Amino acid sequence: MVARGERVENAVASEPFGQAVSSGLRYARFSPPLLATMLRAAGFFLFASAYWALLPLVAREQIASGPALYGVLLGVIGASAVGGAFFLPWLKRKLGPDRLMAVGALGQAVAMVLYGLARVPTTVILASVMAGASWIWVVATLTVSAQVALPDWVRARGLALYAMVFFGSLAIGSAMWGEVAAFVGLPTAHFLAALGAALAIPLTWRWKLQTGAGADLTPSMHWPAPLTAQDIEQDRGPVLVTVEYRISPQDREAFLLALEKVGSERRRDGAYRWGVYEDTAEQGRFVETFVVASWIEHLRQHERVTNADRLQEEVVRRFHLAGEPKVTHFIAAEP
């Protein structure tokens, strides 16, 4: 981004805790790959939590056993998960992440049906074998999907949000299925959870997993440092950035669609307001605007832009008729 004046160095300080949390939440909101992963995770763990919450009751009430059987069942789930992990690379190559998660969710549903039907140890052990293997397939697929959606600067915060959805859904689901079992009985609670897990597959299918895997999220550093005519305190703001484009009028719709994707990137990396305006007196003249809370937050934007963002910006710039779009920085005036 370039403006009139002299170049300034942008040694950017680290974010305060509250602002860092806000940045992480904003990134998740405007990152379709991460948002899709968290939605799929919530749809799965809310129902799969049923057998974890109800397993001690299955061992005690349906099988008429006790702690020894419960310990065996946990051991079987763990051993099956380890065994299932060996098949993960092959399954991912054959199925891809979305179908692999669907297979894992169906495996969880079948396991919960078996838990509901179990009256002898053999059935509940078979259910535990299916539960362990399918659990690791889903958890590994979701975790990788969250990781590949995040650049380095926000990876810890994004994974913390994913973990919050993971454990939050388990906690809410466990409490919910405990109440359901108390009201309708253990078998019916398992059957209802299995039905919910199966229905969640088509209901959440539109949100694809690991779509961020092909994106280059390394910092591009292709925005030039802003040029200023005066010293600017880093906490001063808000900052208004405008980018002026001149395009052929017949390219209007395609240009706006491409620019909308750039707008999501601006908001994801720090802007709290974004818009695009066209000149009423001159066809083909557009001004993109975005507002950032402070000067230092805008400098952070420069460091957060990725190579994938640069490619999308190049798509937009191809519509510009001559040279580079004109970029101007404004900062809130103080008397």
C-alpha atoms as a PDB file:
ATOM      1  CA  MET A   1       0.000   0.000   0.000  1.00  0.00           C
ATOM      2  CA  VAL A   2       1.449   3.383  -0.992  1.00  0.00           C
ATOM      3  CA  ALA A   3       0.648   6.994  -0.053  1.00  0.00           C
ATOM      4  CA  ARG A   4       2.365  10.364  -0.472  1.00  0.00           C
ATOM      5  CA  GLY A   5       5.274  11.345   1.710  1.00  0.00           C
ATOM      6  CA  GLU A   6       8.265   9.623   3.187  1.00  0.00           C
ATOM      7  CA  ARG A   7       8.632   5.963   3.904  1.00  0.00           C
ATOM      8  CA  VAL A   8       8.379   4.853   7.521  1.00  0.00           C
ATOM      9  CA  GLU A   9       9.692   1.710   9.147  1.00  0.00           C
ATOM     10  CA  ASN A  10       6.967  -0.581  10.466  1.00  0.00           C
ATOM     11  CA  ALA A  11       8.427  -2.372  13.426  1.00  0.00           C
ATOM     12  CA  VAL A  12       5.177  -3.842  14.655  1.00  0.00           C
ATOM     13  CA  ALA A  13       4.773  -4.631  18.335  1.00  0.00           C
ATOM     14  CA  SER A  14       2.995  -7.790  19.465  1.00  0.00           C
ATOM     15  CA  GLU A  15      -0.723  -7.571  20.163  1.00  0.00           C
ATOM     16  CA  PRO A  16      -2.121  -7.138  23.683  1.00  0.00           C
ATOM     17  CA  PHE A  17      -4.014 -10.159  24.990  1.00  0.00           C
ATOM     18  CA  GLY A  18      -7.528  -8.803  24.478  1.00  0.00           C
ATOM     19  CA  GLN A  19      -6.769  -7.588  20.988  1.00  0.00           C
ATOM     20  CA  ALA A  20      -5.138 -10.909  20.104  1.00  0.00           C
ATOM     21  CA  VAL A  21      -8.293 -12.764  21.155  1.00  0.00           C
ATOM     22  CA  SER A  22     -10.404 -10.397  19.074  1.00  0.00           C
ATOM     23  CA  SER A  23      -8.118 -10.921  16.063  1.00  0.00           C
ATOM     24  CA  GLY A  24      -8.446 -14.683  16.387  1.00  0.00           C
ATOM     25  CA  LEU A  25     -12.240 -14.517  16.543  1.00  0.00           C
ATOM     26  CA  ARG A  26     -12.339 -12.180  13.561  1.00  0.00           C
ATOM     27  CA  TYR A  27     -10.084 -14.469  11.552  1.00  0.00           C
ATOM     28  CA  ALA A  28     -12.320 -17.465  12.279  1.00  0.00           C
ATOM     29  CA  ARG A  29     -15.411 -15.515  11.240  1.00  0.00           C
ATOM     30  CA  PHE A  30     -13.967 -14.554   7.864  1.00  0.00           C
ATOM     31  CA  SER A  31     -12.060 -17.790   7.138  1.00  0.00           C
ATOM     32  CA  PRO A  32     -14.419 -20.181   5.276  1.00  0.00           C
ATOM     33  CA  PRO A  33     -12.081 -23.217   5.657  1.00  0.00           C
ATOM     34  CA  LEU A  34     -11.813 -22.819   9.456  1.00  0.00           C
ATOM     35  CA  LEU A  35     -15.501 -21.979   9.848  1.00  0.00           C
ATOM     36  CA  ALA A  36     -16.476 -25.061   7.833  1.00  0.00           C
ATOM     37  CA  THR A  37     -14.232 -27.245  10.004  1.00  0.00           C
ATOM     38  CA  MET A  38     -15.770 -25.969  13.239  1.00  0.00           C
ATOM     39  CA  LEU A  39     -19.315 -26.424  11.943  1.00  0.00           C
ATOM     40  CA  ARG A  40     -18.576 -29.993  10.874  1.00  0.00           C
ATOM     41  CA  ALA A  41     -16.924 -30.657  14.235  1.00  0.00           C
ATOM     42  CA  ALA A  42     -19.919 -29.358  16.175  1.00  0.00           C
ATOM     43  CA  GLY A  43     -22.291 -31.479  14.070  1.00  0.00           C
ATOM     44  CA  PHE A  44     -20.254 -34.587  14.806  1.00  0.00           C
ATOM     45  CA  PHE A  45     -19.204 -34.281  18.454  1.00  0.00           C
ATOM     46  CA  LEU A  46     -22.631 -33.216  19.662  1.00  0.00           C
ATOM     47  CA  PHE A  47     -23.969 -36.695  18.802  1.00  0.00           C
ATOM     48  CA  ALA A  48     -20.816 -38.803  19.156  1.00  0.00           C
ATOM     49  CA  SER A  49     -20.525 -37.632  22.764  1.00  0.00           C
ATOM     50  CA  ALA A  50     -23.457 -39.914  23.639  1.00  0.00           C
ATOM     51  CA  TYR A  51     -21.563 -43.184  23.948  1.00  0.00           C
ATOM     52  CA  TRP A  52     -18.694 -41.580  25.890  1.00  0.00           C
ATOM     53  CA  ALA A  53     -21.174 -40.207  28.417  1.00  0.00           C
ATOM     54  CA  LEU A  54     -23.309 -43.355  28.639  1.00  0.00           C
ATOM     55  CA  LEU A  55     -20.641 -46.077  28.412  1.00  0.00           C
ATOM     56  CA  PRO A  56     -20.380 -46.628  32.203  1.00  0.00           C
ATOM     57  CA  LEU A  57     -24.156 -47.125  32.360  1.00  0.00           C
ATOM     58  CA  VAL A  58     -24.038 -49.578  29.469  1.00  0.00           C
ATOM     59  CA  ALA A  59     -21.452 -51.662  31.324  1.00  0.00           C
ATOM     60  CA  ARG A  60     -23.371 -51.551  34.614  1.00  0.00           C
ATOM     61  CA  GLU A  61     -27.041 -51.682  33.606  1.00  0.00           C
ATOM     62  CA  GLN A  62     -27.284 -53.320  30.174  1.00  0.00           C
ATOM     63  CA  ILE A  63     -24.477 -55.865  30.623  1.00  0.00           C
ATOM     64  CA  ALA A  64     -24.900 -56.154  34.409  1.00  0.00           C
ATOM     65  CA  SER A  65     -21.159 -55.839  34.941  1.00  0.00           C
ATOM     66  CA  GLY A  66     -18.943 -53.232  36.608  1.00  0.00           C
ATOM     67  CA  PRO A  67     -15.647 -51.359  36.564  1.00  0.00           C
ATOM     68  CA  ALA A  68     -13.705 -54.304  35.118  1.00  0.00           C
ATOM     69  CA  LEU A  69     -15.783 -54.379  31.927  1.00  0.00           C
ATOM     70  CA  TYR A  70     -15.792 -50.598  31.682  1.00  0.00           C
ATOM     71  CA  GLY A  71     -11.980 -50.596  31.811  1.00  0.00           C
ATOM     72  CA  VAL A  72     -11.844 -53.276  29.130  1.00  0.00           C
ATOM     73  CA  LEU A  73     -14.156 -51.249  26.889  1.00  0.00           C
ATOM     74  CA  LEU A  74     -11.999 -48.141  27.220  1.00  0.00           C
ATOM     75  CA  GLY A  75      -8.928 -50.230  26.431  1.00  0.00           C
ATOM     76  CA  VAL A  76     -10.623 -51.700  23.354  1.00  0.00           C
ATOM     77  CA  ILE A  77     -11.597 -48.207  22.128  1.00  0.00           C
ATOM     78  CA  GLY A  78      -8.014 -47.003  22.592  1.00  0.00           C
ATOM     79  CA  ALA A  79      -6.455 -50.030  20.899  1.00  0.00           C
ATOM     80  CA  SER A  80      -8.912 -49.779  18.011  1.00  0.00           C
ATOM     81  CA  ALA A  81      -8.099 -46.094  17.592  1.00  0.00           C
ATOM     82  CA  VAL A  82      -4.380 -46.918  17.374  1.00  0.00           C
ATOM     83  CA  GLY A  83      -5.095 -49.647  14.856  1.00  0.00           C
ATOM     84  CA  GLY A  84      -7.384 -47.411  12.844  1.00  0.00           C
ATOM     85  CA  ALA A  85      -4.675 -44.750  12.628  1.00  0.00           C
ATOM     86  CA  PHE A  86      -2.530 -47.094  10.532  1.00  0.00           C
ATOM     87  CA  PHE A  87      -5.214 -47.087   7.830  1.00  0.00           C
ATOM     88  CA  LEU A  88      -5.613 -43.305   7.787  1.00  0.00           C
ATOM     89  CA  PRO A  89      -3.187 -42.487   4.926  1.00  0.00           C
ATOM     90  CA  TRP A  90      -4.685 -45.184   2.690  1.00  0.00           C
ATOM     91  CA  LEU A  91      -8.257 -44.182   3.488  1.00  0.00           C
ATOM     92  CA  LYS A  92      -7.544 -40.512   2.855  1.00  0.00           C
ATOM     93  CA  ARG A  93      -6.055 -41.297  -0.559  1.00  0.00           C
ATOM     94  CA  LYS A  94      -9.025 -43.468  -1.481  1.00  0.00           C
ATOM     95  CA  LEU A  95     -11.843 -41.362  -0.035  1.00  0.00           C
ATOM     96  CA  GLY A  96     -10.656 -37.797   0.507  1.00  0.00           C
ATOM     97  CA  PRO A  97     -11.348 -35.860   3.727  1.00  0.00           C
ATOM     98  CA  ASP A  98     -15.111 -35.362   3.321  1.00  0.00           C
ATOM     99  CA  ARG A  99     -15.982 -38.953   2.500  1.00  0.00           C
ATOM    100  CA  LEU A 100     -13.544 -40.213   5.122  1.00  0.00           C
ATOM    101  CA  MET A 101     -15.312 -38.155   7.751  1.00  0.00           C
ATOM    102  CA  ALA A 102     -18.667 -39.450   6.498  1.00  0.00           C
ATOM    103  CA  VAL A 103     -17.428 -43.033   6.860  1.00  0.00           C
ATOM    104  CA  GLY A 104     -16.198 -42.250  10.374  1.00  0.00           C
ATOM    105  CA  ALA A 105     -19.504 -40.630  11.353  1.00  0.00           C
ATOM    106  CA  LEU A 106     -21.441 -43.625  10.007  1.00  0.00           C
ATOM    107  CA  GLY A 107     -19.112 -45.903  11.975  1.00  0.00           C
ATOM    108  CA  GLN A 108     -19.944 -43.945  15.115  1.00  0.00           C
ATOM    109  CA  ALA A 109     -23.661 -44.240  14.341  1.00  0.00           C
ATOM    110  CA  VAL A 110     -23.409 -48.027  13.884  1.00  0.00           C
ATOM    111  CA  ALA A 111     -21.405 -48.303  17.098  1.00  0.00           C
ATOM    112  CA  MET A 112     -24.086 -46.407  19.029  1.00  0.00           C
ATOM    113  CA  VAL A 113     -26.800 -48.678  17.612  1.00  0.00           C
ATOM    114  CA  LEU A 114     -24.776 -51.689  18.833  1.00  0.00           C
ATOM    115  CA  TYR A 115     -24.379 -50.060  22.253  1.00  0.00           C
ATOM    116  CA  GLY A 116     -28.145 -49.651  22.400  1.00  0.00           C
ATOM    117  CA  LEU A 117     -28.713 -53.292  21.446  1.00  0.00           C
ATOM    118  CA  ALA A 118     -25.920 -54.755  23.596  1.00  0.00           C
ATOM    119  CA  ARG A 119     -26.939 -57.242  26.272  1.00  0.00           C
ATOM    120  CA  VAL A 120     -23.794 -59.380  26.290  1.00  0.00           C
ATOM    121  CA  PRO A 121     -20.100 -58.411  26.466  1.00  0.00           C
ATOM    122  CA  THR A 122     -19.376 -59.591  22.899  1.00  0.00           C
ATOM    123  CA  THR A 123     -21.736 -57.008  21.366  1.00  0.00           C
ATOM    124  CA  VAL A 124     -20.473 -54.103  23.424  1.00  0.00           C
ATOM    125  CA  ILE A 125     -16.842 -55.012  22.658  1.00  0.00           C
ATOM    126  CA  LEU A 126     -17.630 -55.108  18.922  1.00  0.00           C
ATOM    127  CA  ALA A 127     -19.264 -51.676  19.272  1.00  0.00           C
ATOM    128  CA  SER A 128     -16.137 -50.383  21.010  1.00  0.00           C
ATOM    129  CA  VAL A 129     -13.908 -51.642  18.195  1.00  0.00           C
ATOM    130  CA  MET A 130     -16.003 -49.724  15.662  1.00  0.00           C
ATOM    131  CA  ALA A 131     -16.186 -46.662  17.895  1.00  0.00           C
ATOM    132  CA  GLY A 132     -12.410 -46.417  18.396  1.00  0.00           C
ATOM    133  CA  ALA A 133     -11.412 -46.743  14.737  1.00  0.00           C
ATOM    134  CA  SER A 134     -14.094 -44.413  13.376  1.00  0.00           C
ATOM    135  CA  TRP A 135     -13.394 -41.865  16.137  1.00  0.00           C
ATOM    136  CA  ILE A 136      -9.735 -41.493  15.187  1.00  0.00           C
ATOM    137  CA  TRP A 137     -10.609 -41.171  11.487  1.00  0.00           C
ATOM    138  CA  VAL A 138     -12.941 -38.261  12.182  1.00  0.00           C
ATOM    139  CA  VAL A 139     -10.792 -36.494  14.783  1.00  0.00           C
ATOM    140  CA  ALA A 140      -7.648 -36.712  12.632  1.00  0.00           C
ATOM    141  CA  THR A 141      -9.509 -35.428   9.560  1.00  0.00           C
ATOM    142  CA  LEU A 142     -11.005 -32.477  11.434  1.00  0.00           C
ATOM    143  CA  THR A 143      -7.750 -31.561  13.182  1.00  0.00           C
ATOM    144  CA  VAL A 144      -5.780 -31.520   9.927  1.00  0.00           C
ATOM    145  CA  SER A 145      -8.536 -29.431   8.349  1.00  0.00           C
ATOM    146  CA  ALA A 146      -8.197 -26.859  11.135  1.00  0.00           C
ATOM    147  CA  GLN A 147      -4.402 -26.771  10.901  1.00  0.00           C
ATOM    148  CA  VAL A 148      -4.176 -26.243   7.146  1.00  0.00           C
ATOM    149  CA  ALA A 149      -6.706 -23.384   7.343  1.00  0.00           C
ATOM    150  CA  LEU A 150      -4.434 -21.267   9.546  1.00  0.00           C
ATOM    151  CA  PRO A 151      -1.324 -19.165   8.814  1.00  0.00           C
ATOM    152  CA  ASP A 152       1.428 -19.018  11.410  1.00  0.00           C
ATOM    153  CA  TRP A 153       0.402 -15.721  13.023  1.00  0.00           C
ATOM    154  CA  VAL A 154      -3.013 -17.011  14.133  1.00  0.00           C
ATOM    155  CA  ARG A 155      -2.483 -20.783  14.254  1.00  0.00           C
ATOM    156  CA  ALA A 156      -2.493 -21.121  18.055  1.00  0.00           C
ATOM    157  CA  ARG A 157      -5.624 -18.984  18.395  1.00  0.00           C
ATOM    158  CA  GLY A 158      -7.425 -20.808  15.585  1.00  0.00           C
ATOM    159  CA  LEU A 159      -6.612 -24.228  17.021  1.00  0.00           C
ATOM    160  CA  ALA A 160      -7.764 -23.020  20.440  1.00  0.00           C
ATOM    161  CA  LEU A 161     -11.126 -22.069  18.902  1.00  0.00           C
ATOM    162  CA  TYR A 162     -11.343 -25.476  17.230  1.00  0.00           C
ATOM    163  CA  ALA A 163     -10.536 -27.174  20.552  1.00  0.00           C
ATOM    164  CA  MET A 164     -13.203 -25.049  22.234  1.00  0.00           C
ATOM    165  CA  VAL A 165     -15.783 -26.299  19.718  1.00  0.00           C
ATOM    166  CA  PHE A 166     -14.494 -29.870  20.165  1.00  0.00           C
ATOM    167  CA  PHE A 167     -14.665 -29.992  23.947  1.00  0.00           C
ATOM    168  CA  GLY A 168     -17.642 -27.651  24.197  1.00  0.00           C
ATOM    169  CA  SER A 169     -19.702 -29.940  21.953  1.00  0.00           C
ATOM    170  CA  LEU A 170     -18.592 -32.957  23.986  1.00  0.00           C
ATOM    171  CA  ALA A 171     -19.584 -31.247  27.232  1.00  0.00           C
ATOM    172  CA  ILE A 172     -22.963 -30.042  25.972  1.00  0.00           C
ATOM    173  CA  GLY A 173     -23.675 -33.350  24.252  1.00  0.00           C
ATOM    174  CA  SER A 174     -22.752 -35.398  27.312  1.00  0.00           C
ATOM    175  CA  ALA A 175     -25.116 -33.414  29.528  1.00  0.00           C
ATOM    176  CA  MET A 176     -27.854 -33.553  26.892  1.00  0.00           C
ATOM    177  CA  TRP A 177     -27.643 -37.302  26.291  1.00  0.00           C
ATOM    178  CA  GLY A 178     -27.532 -37.993  30.007  1.00  0.00           C
ATOM    179  CA  GLU A 179     -30.862 -36.184  30.349  1.00  0.00           C
ATOM    180  CA  VAL A 180     -32.276 -37.998  27.312  1.00  0.00           C
ATOM    181  CA  ALA A 181     -31.231 -41.382  28.730  1.00  0.00           C
ATOM    182  CA  ALA A 182     -32.838 -40.548  32.067  1.00  0.00           C
ATOM    183  CA  PHE A 183     -36.072 -39.688  30.270  1.00  0.00           C
ATOM    184  CA  VAL A 184     -36.355 -42.384  27.539  1.00  0.00           C
ATOM    185  CA  GLY A 185     -33.832 -45.022  28.637  1.00  0.00           C
ATOM    186  CA  LEU A 186     -30.311 -46.009  27.566  1.00  0.00           C
ATOM    187  CA  PRO A 187     -31.113 -47.934  24.353  1.00  0.00           C
ATOM    188  CA  THR A 188     -33.391 -45.232  22.944  1.00  0.00           C
ATOM    189  CA  ALA A 189     -30.846 -42.508  23.783  1.00  0.00           C
ATOM    190  CA  HIS A 190     -28.210 -44.400  21.793  1.00  0.00           C
ATOM    191  CA  PHE A 191     -30.583 -44.885  18.871  1.00  0.00           C
ATOM    192  CA  LEU A 192     -31.484 -41.180  18.815  1.00  0.00           C
ATOM    193  CA  ALA A 193     -27.811 -40.181  18.953  1.00  0.00           C
ATOM    194  CA  ALA A 194     -27.050 -42.584  16.089  1.00  0.00           C
ATOM    195  CA  LEU A 195     -29.863 -41.063  14.042  1.00  0.00           C
ATOM    196  CA  GLY A 196     -28.562 -37.546  14.735  1.00  0.00           C
ATOM    197  CA  ALA A 197     -25.003 -38.533  13.752  1.00  0.00           C
ATOM    198  CA  ALA A 198     -26.254 -40.019  10.487  1.00  0.00           C
ATOM    199  CA  LEU A 199     -28.452 -37.007   9.653  1.00  0.00           C
ATOM    200  CA  ALA A 200     -25.615 -34.593  10.410  1.00  0.00           C
ATOM    201  CA  ILE A 201     -23.661 -35.976   7.443  1.00  0.00           C
ATOM    202  CA  PRO A 202     -25.949 -34.636   4.668  1.00  0.00           C
ATOM    203  CA  LEU A 203     -26.938 -31.577   6.694  1.00  0.00           C
ATOM    204  CA  THR A 204     -23.321 -30.402   7.021  1.00  0.00           C
ATOM    205  CA  TRP A 205     -22.033 -31.728   3.678  1.00  0.00           C
ATOM    206  CA  ARG A 206     -21.994 -28.267   2.056  1.00  0.00           C
ATOM    207  CA  TRP A 207     -19.112 -27.218   4.350  1.00  0.00           C
ATOM    208  CA  LYS A 208     -16.087 -28.921   2.828  1.00  0.00           C
ATOM    209  CA  LEU A 209     -13.031 -29.967   4.823  1.00  0.00           C
ATOM    210  CA  GLN A 210      -9.356 -29.195   4.198  1.00  0.00           C
ATOM    211  CA  THR A 211     -10.145 -26.613   1.513  1.00  0.00           C
ATOM    212  CA  GLY A 212      -7.257 -24.551   2.867  1.00  0.00           C
ATOM    213  CA  ALA A 213      -4.748 -27.306   2.091  1.00  0.00           C
ATOM    214  CA  GLY A 214      -3.976 -25.975  -1.378  1.00  0.00           C
ATOM    215  CA  ALA A 215      -3.579 -22.344  -0.321  1.00  0.00           C
ATOM    216  CA  ASP A 216      -0.133 -20.849   0.286  1.00  0.00           C
ATOM    217  CA  LEU A 217      -0.584 -19.120   3.650  1.00  0.00           C
ATOM    218  CA  THR A 218       2.995 -17.943   4.051  1.00  0.00           C
ATOM    219  CA  PRO A 219       3.342 -14.134   4.348  1.00  0.00           C
ATOM    220  CA  SER A 220       3.780 -12.526   0.937  1.00  0.00           C
ATOM    221  CA  MET A 221       4.967  -9.125   2.242  1.00  0.00           C
ATOM    222  CA  HIS A 222       3.974  -7.673  -1.136  1.00  0.00           C
ATOM    223  CA  TRP A 223       2.247  -4.589   0.291  1.00  0.00           C
ATOM    224  CA  PRO A 224       4.845  -1.782   0.309  1.00  0.00           C
ATOM    225  CA  ALA A 225       5.256  -0.008   3.645  1.00  0.00           C
ATOM    226  CA  PRO A 226       2.979   3.049   3.861  1.00  0.00           C
ATOM    227  CA  LEU A 227       4.492   6.422   3.017  1.00  0.00           C
ATOM    228  CA  THR A 228       3.714   9.296   5.372  1.00  0.00           C
ATOM    229  CA  ALA A 229       4.424  13.012   5.552  1.00  0.00           C
ATOM    230  CA  GLN A 230       4.553  13.050   9.371  1.00  0.00           C
ATOM    231  CA  ASP A 231       5.251  10.820  12.348  1.00  0.00           C
ATOM    232  CA  ILE A 232       2.186   8.796  13.311  1.00  0.00           C
ATOM    233  CA  GLU A 233       1.676   7.338  16.772  1.00  0.00           C
ATOM    234  CA  GLN A 234       1.038   3.627  16.476  1.00  0.00           C
ATOM    235  CA  ASP A 235      -2.162   3.631  18.542  1.00  0.00           C
ATOM    236  CA  ARG A 236      -3.710   6.508  16.588  1.00  0.00           C
ATOM    237  CA  GLY A 237      -6.781   5.733  14.527  1.00  0.00           C
ATOM    238  CA  PRO A 238      -9.058   4.682  13.060  1.00  0.00           C
ATOM    239  CA  VAL A 239      -7.374   4.406   9.671  1.00  0.00           C
ATOM    240  CA  LEU A 240      -9.303   4.597   6.393  1.00  0.00           C
ATOM    241  CA  VAL A 241      -7.651   3.024   3.351  1.00  0.00           C
ATOM    242  CA  THR A 242      -9.033   3.629  -0.143  1.00  0.00           C
ATOM    243  CA  VAL A 243      -8.098   1.826  -3.351  1.00  0.00           C
ATOM    244  CA  GLU A 244      -9.271   3.371  -6.630  1.00  0.00           C
ATOM    245  CA  TYR A 245      -9.888   1.188  -9.688  1.00  0.00           C
ATOM    246  CA  ARG A 246     -10.779   2.083 -13.253  1.00  0.00           C
ATOM    247  CA  ILE A 247     -12.260  -0.784 -15.212  1.00  0.00           C
ATOM    248  CA  SER A 248     -14.196  -1.421 -18.398  1.00  0.00           C
ATOM    249  CA  PRO A 249     -17.936  -1.016 -17.675  1.00  0.00           C
ATOM    250  CA  GLN A 250     -18.706  -4.431 -19.225  1.00  0.00           C
ATOM    251  CA  ASP A 251     -16.454  -6.086 -16.576  1.00  0.00           C
ATOM    252  CA  ARG A 252     -18.482  -4.672 -13.670  1.00  0.00           C
ATOM    253  CA  GLU A 253     -20.079  -7.894 -12.390  1.00  0.00           C
ATOM    254  CA  ALA A 254     -16.948 -10.043 -12.665  1.00  0.00           C
ATOM    255  CA  PHE A 255     -14.888  -7.310 -11.031  1.00  0.00           C
ATOM    256  CA  LEU A 256     -17.254  -6.969  -8.061  1.00  0.00           C
ATOM    257  CA  LEU A 257     -17.352 -10.731  -7.519  1.00  0.00           C
ATOM    258  CA  ALA A 258     -13.546 -10.875  -7.431  1.00  0.00           C
ATOM    259  CA  LEU A 259     -13.338  -7.819  -5.184  1.00  0.00           C
ATOM    260  CA  GLU A 260     -15.795  -9.392  -2.709  1.00  0.00           C
ATOM    261  CA  LYS A 261     -13.251 -12.145  -2.032  1.00  0.00           C
ATOM    262  CA  VAL A 262     -10.569  -9.517  -1.397  1.00  0.00           C
ATOM    263  CA  GLY A 263     -12.985  -7.805   1.008  1.00  0.00           C
ATOM    264  CA  SER A 264     -13.224 -10.983   3.090  1.00  0.00           C
ATOM    265  CA  GLU A 265      -9.430 -11.033   3.299  1.00  0.00           C
ATOM    266  CA  ARG A 266      -9.315  -7.388   4.443  1.00  0.00           C
ATOM    267  CA  ARG A 267     -11.826  -8.071   7.230  1.00  0.00           C
ATOM    268  CA  ARG A 268     -10.169 -11.338   8.184  1.00  0.00           C
ATOM    269  CA  ASP A 269      -6.784  -9.624   8.643  1.00  0.00           C
ATOM    270  CA  GLY A 270      -7.920  -6.584  10.640  1.00  0.00           C
ATOM    271  CA  ALA A 271     -10.512  -4.349   8.960  1.00  0.00           C
ATOM    272  CA  TYR A 272     -13.761  -3.898  10.885  1.00  0.00           C
ATOM    273  CA  ARG A 273     -15.538  -2.208   7.974  1.00  0.00           C
ATOM    274  CA  TRP A 274     -15.255  -2.781   4.243  1.00  0.00           C
ATOM    275  CA  GLY A 275     -17.142  -1.481   1.218  1.00  0.00           C
ATOM    276  CA  VAL A 276     -16.949  -0.637  -2.472  1.00  0.00           C
ATOM    277  CA  TYR A 277     -18.456   2.406  -4.185  1.00  0.00           C
ATOM    278  CA  GLU A 278     -18.855   3.407  -7.834  1.00  0.00           C
ATOM    279  CA  ASP A 279     -18.742   6.887  -9.306  1.00  0.00           C
ATOM    280  CA  THR A 280     -22.172   8.148 -10.402  1.00  0.00           C
ATOM    281  CA  ALA A 281     -20.613  10.510 -12.947  1.00  0.00           C
ATOM    282  CA  GLU A 282     -18.010   8.203 -14.505  1.00  0.00           C
ATOM    283  CA  GLN A 283     -18.665   4.601 -15.475  1.00  0.00           C
ATOM    284  CA  GLY A 284     -15.976   2.120 -14.520  1.00  0.00           C
ATOM    285  CA  ARG A 285     -14.553   4.152 -11.627  1.00  0.00           C
ATOM    286  CA  PHE A 286     -14.742   2.275  -8.302  1.00  0.00           C
ATOM    287  CA  VAL A 287     -13.323   2.986  -4.861  1.00  0.00           C
ATOM    288  CA  GLU A 288     -12.741   0.184  -2.364  1.00  0.00           C
ATOM    289  CA  THR A 289     -12.607   1.308   1.281  1.00  0.00           C
ATOM    290  CA  PHE A 290     -11.738  -0.450   4.504  1.00  0.00           C
ATOM    291  CA  VAL A 291     -11.338   0.848   8.039  1.00  0.00           C
ATOM    292  CA  VAL A 292      -8.848  -0.449  10.616  1.00  0.00           C
ATOM    293  CA  ALA A 293      -8.899   0.399  14.314  1.00  0.00           C
ATOM    294  CA  SER A 294      -5.403   1.904  14.535  1.00  0.00           C
ATOM    295  CA  TRP A 295      -2.227   2.617  12.600  1.00  0.00           C
ATOM    296  CA  ILE A 296      -0.389  -0.302  14.176  1.00  0.00           C
ATOM    297  CA  GLU A 297      -3.252  -2.635  13.319  1.00  0.00           C
ATOM    298  CA  HIS A 298      -2.929  -1.565   9.681  1.00  0.00           C
ATOM    299  CA  LEU A 299       0.802  -2.271   9.836  1.00  0.00           C
ATOM    300  CA  ARG A 300      -0.072  -5.745  11.124  1.00  0.00           C
ATOM    301  CA  GLN A 301      -2.277  -6.186   8.058  1.00  0.00           C
ATOM    302  CA  HIS A 302       0.836  -5.768   5.920  1.00  0.00           C
ATOM    303  CA  GLU A 303       2.453  -8.712   7.699  1.00  0.00           C
ATOM    304  CA  ARG A 304      -0.650 -10.928   7.562  1.00  0.00           C
ATOM    305  CA  VAL A 305      -1.269 -10.844   3.815  1.00  0.00           C
ATOM    306  CA  THR A 306      -0.453 -14.264   2.353  1.00  0.00           C
ATOM    307  CA  ASN A 307       0.637 -15.511  -1.040  1.00  0.00           C
ATOM    308  CA  ALA A 308      -2.893 -16.822  -1.561  1.00  0.00           C
ATOM    309  CA  ASP A 309      -4.206 -13.289  -0.899  1.00  0.00           C
ATOM    310  CA  ARG A 310      -1.698 -11.881  -3.382  1.00  0.00           C
ATOM    311  CA  LEU A 311      -3.039 -14.186  -6.101  1.00  0.00           C
ATOM    312  CA  GLN A 312      -6.590 -13.019  -5.434  1.00  0.00           C
ATOM    313  CA  GLU A 313      -5.497  -9.381  -5.502  1.00  0.00           C
ATOM    314  CA  GLU A 314      -3.829 -10.006  -8.864  1.00  0.00           C
ATOM    315  CA  VAL A 315      -7.158 -11.285 -10.196  1.00  0.00           C
ATOM    316  CA  VAL A 316      -8.743  -7.973  -9.185  1.00  0.00           C
ATOM    317  CA  ARG A 317      -5.878  -5.884 -10.579  1.00  0.00           C
ATOM    318  CA  ARG A 318      -6.273  -7.484 -14.015  1.00  0.00           C
ATOM    319  CA  PHE A 319      -9.506  -5.533 -14.355  1.00  0.00           C
ATOM    320  CA  HIS A 320      -7.663  -2.239 -13.723  1.00  0.00           C
ATOM    321  CA  LEU A 321      -7.071  -0.539 -17.059  1.00  0.00           C
ATOM    322  CA  ALA A 322      -3.687   1.131 -16.571  1.00  0.00           C
ATOM    323  CA  GLY A 323      -0.865   0.842 -14.049  1.00  0.00           C
ATOM    324  CA  GLU A 324      -1.538   0.108 -10.397  1.00  0.00           C
ATOM    325  CA  PRO A 325      -4.719   1.057  -8.501  1.00  0.00           C
ATOM    326  CA  LYS A 326      -4.278   4.272  -6.529  1.00  0.00           C
ATOM    327  CA  VAL A 327      -4.051   3.612  -2.774  1.00  0.00           C
ATOM    328  CA  THR A 328      -4.555   6.357  -0.193  1.00  0.00           C
ATOM    329  CA  HIS A 329      -4.360   6.260   3.609  1.00  0.00           C
ATOM    330  CA  PHE A 330      -6.425   8.535   5.833  1.00  0.00           C
ATOM    331  CA  ILE A 331      -6.259   8.727   9.611  1.00  0.00           C
ATOM    332  CA  ALA A 332      -8.810  10.248  11.963  1.00  0.00           C
ATOM    333  CA  ALA A 333      -8.035  13.957  12.296  1.00  0.00           C
ATOM    334  CA  GLU A 334      -7.253  15.260  15.752  1.00  0.00           C
ATOM    335  CA  PRO A 335      -7.404  19.007  16.634  1.00  0.00           C
END
